């Protein structure tokens, strides 16, 4: 009995399998257009095309650039500099990091040989650490955004003047172009920077490929005390040359007062008094 029962079950299972596998009236092949004679890959793959993600050309801020973050990015942990002599704020790096200035500092009779930024308050340990921190921050990819945020926040719209480098100088052509971009983003702020890096300025002007921002005045400094640059293509500055606009600060308690000649591109040369 048991044997016949087992055989009967096996026969029923086989019949069920054959009915499912081979239905009595199968549909023609055309009724199954989704089927293919080609073997399908395993594991199954999606035929949907995945769109390629376009990477941004510049870093994207996914949150608002706060003042705290801007200070960290630019190395101005305690904020922008505030020279007592002049209006507005400033930024600075170490005078020891000057490229051309370091060479001129070894030559007697040059403005850099008696550099004010290598004496006094500039030699305090905290100040020197701040200079080094800002110099290192130039490599940050969001430096332009950070500096724009700081200057735009702190500058007085009624007296919008900013001094670039009350200590230090440009480090490269890229460094010059970074400040060009900041000036273009803040057209209402007047920028002024003295420099000995003539080559960087010339190459930056060529690489820029567009008009130089009118609110960024670069004054090429003279290389000798008592001598002015009469053929400079850029606004210039000299020390005790007696040429051009004489800086009134020595007669005004060491302050700019109402004078803004340094920021005025129509003033071809500003003549300063040598620091003692």
Protein backbone atom coordinates (compact mmCIF):
# COMPACT_ATOMS: atom_id res chain seq x y z
CA UNK A 1 0.00 0.00 0.00
CA UNK A 2 2.69 2.41 0.96
CA UNK A 3 4.61 1.79 -2.21
CA UNK A 4 1.59 2.33 -4.46
CA UNK A 5 0.72 5.51 -2.55
CA UNK A 6 4.23 6.91 -3.06
CA UNK A 7 4.14 6.15 -6.76
CA UNK A 8 0.73 7.79 -7.03
CA UNK A 9 2.03 10.96 -5.39
CA UNK A 10 5.01 11.05 -7.69
CA UNK A 11 2.77 10.70 -10.72
CA UNK A 12 0.50 13.54 -9.59
CA UNK A 13 3.49 15.84 -8.97
CA UNK A 14 4.86 15.05 -12.42
CA UNK A 15 1.50 15.77 -14.05
CA UNK A 16 1.25 19.14 -12.27
CA UNK A 17 4.77 20.07 -13.34
CA UNK A 18 4.07 19.19 -16.98
CA UNK A 19 0.85 21.24 -17.01
CA UNK A 20 2.64 24.28 -15.62
CA UNK A 21 5.69 23.91 -17.82
CA UNK A 22 3.78 23.01 -20.99
CA UNK A 23 0.26 24.51 -20.96
CA UNK A 24 -2.26 22.72 -23.20
CA UNK A 25 -2.78 25.72 -25.52
CA UNK A 26 0.39 27.81 -25.47
CA UNK A 27 0.36 31.29 -26.98
CA UNK A 28 2.47 31.94 -30.06
CA UNK A 29 5.99 33.35 -29.60
CA UNK A 30 4.88 36.79 -30.79
CA UNK A 31 2.73 37.16 -27.66
CA UNK A 32 5.89 37.43 -25.57
CA UNK A 33 7.88 40.30 -27.13
CA UNK A 34 9.78 40.90 -23.88
CA UNK A 35 11.44 37.49 -24.11
CA UNK A 36 14.72 37.08 -25.92
CA UNK A 37 16.72 34.12 -27.19
CA UNK A 38 19.91 35.84 -26.03
CA UNK A 39 21.17 34.78 -22.62
CA UNK A 40 20.62 37.39 -19.94
CA UNK A 41 23.56 38.58 -17.81
CA UNK A 42 23.69 37.52 -14.23
CA UNK A 43 23.13 39.17 -11.86
CA UNK A 44 20.37 41.16 -13.61
CA UNK A 45 21.51 44.66 -14.63
CA UNK A 46 19.43 47.80 -14.95
CA UNK A 47 19.11 49.26 -18.43
CA UNK A 48 18.42 52.75 -17.08
CA UNK A 49 21.12 55.32 -17.87
CA UNK A 50 22.62 56.94 -14.77
CA UNK A 51 23.18 60.66 -15.43
CA UNK A 52 26.75 61.81 -14.78
CA UNK A 53 27.01 64.29 -11.92
CA UNK A 54 28.52 67.59 -13.01
CA UNK A 55 31.20 68.71 -10.62
CA UNK A 56 31.25 72.42 -9.75
CA UNK A 57 34.26 74.35 -11.00
CA UNK A 58 34.57 76.11 -7.64
CA UNK A 59 33.93 74.88 -4.10
CA UNK A 60 30.29 75.21 -3.15
CA UNK A 61 29.23 76.49 0.26
CA UNK A 62 26.40 74.33 1.50
CA UNK A 63 25.81 76.67 4.40
CA UNK A 64 26.13 80.40 4.88
CA UNK A 65 29.73 81.56 5.23
CA UNK A 66 29.69 82.91 8.77
CA UNK A 67 32.16 85.47 10.08
CA UNK A 68 33.69 82.85 12.33
CA UNK A 69 34.28 80.52 9.40
CA UNK A 70 35.60 83.38 7.24
CA UNK A 71 38.12 84.25 9.96
CA UNK A 72 39.30 80.66 10.14
CA UNK A 73 39.62 80.40 6.36
CA UNK A 74 41.69 83.59 6.01
CA UNK A 75 43.75 83.18 9.17
CA UNK A 76 42.26 86.31 10.76
CA UNK A 77 41.21 84.56 13.95
CA UNK A 78 40.91 87.83 15.88
CA UNK A 79 39.55 89.81 12.93
CA UNK A 80 41.01 92.20 10.38
CA UNK A 81 43.81 94.59 11.24
CA UNK A 82 42.92 98.15 12.30
CA UNK A 83 45.85 100.55 11.78
CA UNK A 84 45.51 103.63 13.94
CA UNK A 85 47.05 105.82 11.24
CA UNK A 86 44.59 105.25 8.41
CA UNK A 87 40.87 104.74 7.72
CA UNK A 88 39.27 101.35 7.57
CA UNK A 89 40.83 97.95 8.10
CA UNK A 90 43.80 96.07 6.70
CA UNK A 91 45.47 92.71 6.35
CA UNK A 92 49.12 91.77 6.78
CA UNK A 93 51.67 89.00 6.48
CA UNK A 94 55.23 88.87 7.76
CA UNK A 95 57.75 91.27 6.23
CA UNK A 96 60.25 88.41 6.54
CA UNK A 97 58.29 86.62 3.81
CA UNK A 98 58.75 89.43 1.27
CA UNK A 99 60.48 88.12 -1.84
CA UNK A 100 61.97 91.22 -3.48
CA UNK A 101 61.81 93.17 -0.23
CA UNK A 102 64.02 90.62 1.52
CA UNK A 103 66.74 91.29 -1.05
CA UNK A 104 66.36 95.07 -0.85
CA UNK A 105 66.51 94.90 2.95
CA UNK A 106 70.19 93.94 2.63
CA UNK A 107 70.99 97.00 0.49
CA UNK A 108 71.64 100.30 2.31
CA UNK A 109 69.71 103.27 0.97
CA UNK A 110 66.56 101.32 0.09
CA UNK A 111 63.19 101.78 1.82
CA UNK A 112 63.26 98.10 2.84
CA UNK A 113 66.61 98.49 4.64
CA UNK A 114 64.78 100.39 7.39
CA UNK A 115 61.43 98.58 7.21
CA UNK A 116 59.02 99.66 9.95
CA UNK A 117 57.32 96.23 9.78
CA UNK A 118 60.42 94.59 11.24
CA UNK A 119 60.32 96.63 14.42
CA UNK A 120 57.98 97.62 17.23
CA UNK A 121 54.64 95.88 17.63
CA UNK A 122 55.23 93.75 14.54
CA UNK A 123 57.76 91.68 16.50
CA UNK A 124 55.40 90.56 19.26
CA UNK A 125 55.03 86.74 19.30
CA UNK A 126 51.24 86.86 18.84
CA UNK A 127 51.58 89.23 15.89
CA UNK A 128 54.20 87.03 14.25
CA UNK A 129 52.01 83.95 14.74
CA UNK A 130 49.10 85.79 13.11
CA UNK A 131 51.27 86.73 10.13
CA UNK A 132 52.36 83.12 9.66
CA UNK A 133 48.76 81.90 9.97
CA UNK A 134 47.53 84.33 7.28
CA UNK A 135 50.38 83.42 4.98
CA UNK A 136 49.50 79.73 5.24
CA UNK A 137 45.80 80.53 4.72
CA UNK A 138 46.48 81.76 1.18
CA UNK A 139 46.37 78.11 0.06
CA UNK A 140 42.78 77.65 1.25
CA UNK A 141 40.38 77.13 -1.71
CA UNK A 142 37.81 79.46 -0.13
CA UNK A 143 40.22 82.28 0.70
CA UNK A 144 38.61 84.72 -1.74
CA UNK A 145 35.13 84.01 -0.36
CA UNK A 146 36.37 84.36 3.21
CA UNK A 147 38.20 87.64 2.62
CA UNK A 148 35.26 89.06 0.69
CA UNK A 149 32.96 88.19 3.58
CA UNK A 150 35.19 89.87 6.18
CA UNK A 151 35.89 93.06 4.25
CA UNK A 152 32.30 93.40 3.11
CA UNK A 153 31.09 93.07 6.69
CA UNK A 154 33.51 95.36 8.50
CA UNK A 155 34.09 98.16 5.97
CA UNK A 156 32.16 101.37 6.59
CA UNK A 157 30.09 102.23 3.48
CA UNK A 158 30.49 105.91 4.32
CA UNK A 159 34.30 105.64 4.35
CA UNK A 160 35.00 102.47 2.30
CA UNK A 161 38.80 102.24 2.27
CA UNK A 162 40.90 99.12 2.78
CA UNK A 163 44.70 98.72 3.00
CA UNK A 164 46.21 95.53 1.63
CA UNK A 165 49.49 94.57 3.33
CA UNK A 166 50.40 97.07 6.00
CA UNK A 167 53.14 94.45 6.35
CA UNK A 168 54.36 91.93 3.78
CA UNK A 169 53.89 91.73 0.02
CA UNK A 170 52.50 89.60 -2.80
CA UNK A 171 53.77 86.02 -2.90
CA UNK A 172 52.90 85.07 -6.48
CA UNK A 173 50.91 86.00 -9.57
CA UNK A 174 48.05 83.88 -8.20
CA UNK A 175 48.13 85.92 -5.00
CA UNK A 176 47.69 89.12 -7.01
CA UNK A 177 44.76 87.66 -8.93
CA UNK A 178 43.10 86.57 -5.70
CA UNK A 179 42.99 90.21 -4.60
CA UNK A 180 41.73 91.24 -8.03
CA UNK A 181 38.78 88.88 -7.55
CA UNK A 182 38.08 90.26 -4.07
CA UNK A 183 38.08 93.81 -5.46
CA UNK A 184 35.71 92.80 -8.26
CA UNK A 185 33.31 91.26 -5.75
CA UNK A 186 33.35 94.43 -3.63
CA UNK A 187 33.17 97.26 -6.19
CA UNK A 188 32.08 99.75 -3.52
CA UNK A 189 35.29 99.30 -1.49
CA UNK A 190 38.47 101.21 -2.41
CA UNK A 191 41.61 99.04 -2.16
CA UNK A 192 45.23 100.17 -2.04
CA UNK A 193 48.38 98.07 -1.86
CA UNK A 194 52.07 99.08 -2.03
CA UNK A 195 54.41 96.52 -3.59
CA UNK A 196 57.91 95.81 -4.81
CA UNK A 197 56.76 92.84 -6.88
CA UNK A 198 56.70 94.44 -10.32
CA UNK A 199 56.94 91.15 -12.19
CA UNK A 200 53.95 89.63 -10.39
CA UNK A 201 51.83 92.69 -11.19
CA UNK A 202 52.79 92.71 -14.86
CA UNK A 203 52.12 89.00 -15.33
CA UNK A 204 48.84 89.20 -13.42
CA UNK A 205 47.68 91.98 -15.71
CA UNK A 206 48.43 89.83 -18.77
CA UNK A 207 46.77 86.71 -17.34
CA UNK A 208 43.68 88.62 -16.19
CA UNK A 209 42.42 89.00 -19.74
CA UNK A 210 40.02 91.79 -18.82
CA UNK A 211 40.08 95.33 -17.46
CA UNK A 212 41.87 95.89 -14.17
CA UNK A 213 39.36 96.80 -11.42
CA UNK A 214 39.36 100.56 -10.94
CA UNK A 215 38.88 100.18 -7.19
CA UNK A 216 42.19 98.32 -6.77
CA UNK A 217 45.13 100.75 -6.73
CA UNK A 218 48.54 99.06 -6.82
CA UNK A 219 51.40 101.45 -6.06
CA UNK A 220 54.82 100.23 -7.13
CA UNK A 221 57.30 101.36 -4.50
CA UNK A 222 60.61 102.99 -5.35
CA UNK A 223 63.76 100.97 -4.72
CA UNK A 224 65.88 103.87 -3.42
CA UNK A 225 65.26 106.53 -0.82
CA UNK A 226 65.14 110.00 -2.38
CA UNK A 227 64.29 108.69 -5.85
CA UNK A 228 60.92 108.67 -7.62
CA UNK A 229 59.74 106.57 -10.54
CA UNK A 230 58.83 108.95 -13.33
CA UNK A 231 58.15 106.32 -16.04
CA UNK A 232 56.06 103.82 -14.11
CA UNK A 233 53.01 102.43 -15.91
CA UNK A 234 51.36 102.02 -12.52
CA UNK A 235 50.65 104.49 -9.74
CA UNK A 236 53.83 104.72 -7.69
CA UNK A 237 55.18 105.73 -4.31
CA UNK A 238 58.53 107.03 -3.13
CA UNK A 239 60.34 107.96 0.07
CA UNK A 240 61.63 111.52 0.57
CA UNK A 241 61.89 112.18 -3.18
CA UNK A 242 60.05 115.50 -3.16
CA UNK A 243 58.03 114.35 -6.19
CA UNK A 244 54.27 114.08 -6.37
CA UNK A 245 51.79 114.24 -3.50
CA UNK A 246 53.55 114.57 -0.17
CA UNK A 247 52.03 112.40 2.57
CA UNK A 248 50.57 114.79 5.19
CA UNK A 249 50.64 112.23 8.04
CA UNK A 250 53.85 113.57 9.71
CA UNK A 251 52.11 116.94 10.14
CA UNK A 252 48.84 115.38 11.33
CA UNK A 253 49.96 113.35 14.30
CA UNK A 254 50.96 110.41 12.10
CA UNK A 255 47.44 109.97 10.73
CA UNK A 256 45.87 110.17 7.28
CA UNK A 257 43.14 112.50 8.45
CA UNK A 258 40.98 113.38 5.45
CA UNK A 259 43.68 112.47 2.90
CA UNK A 260 42.88 109.54 0.60
CA UNK A 261 45.60 110.08 -2.02
CA UNK A 262 46.98 106.53 -1.67
CA UNK A 263 43.65 105.12 -2.90
CA UNK A 264 43.33 107.64 -5.76
CA UNK A 265 44.53 106.19 -9.11
CA UNK A 266 44.82 109.70 -10.60
CA UNK A 267 47.60 110.53 -8.11
CA UNK A 268 50.66 109.28 -9.98
CA UNK A 269 53.09 109.33 -7.06
CA UNK A 270 52.72 109.58 -3.30
CA UNK A 271 55.88 110.64 -1.48
CA UNK A 272 56.24 109.31 2.08
CA UNK A 273 58.57 110.35 4.85
CA UNK A 274 61.14 107.75 5.89
CA UNK A 275 60.32 105.97 9.14
CA UNK A 276 62.91 106.30 11.87
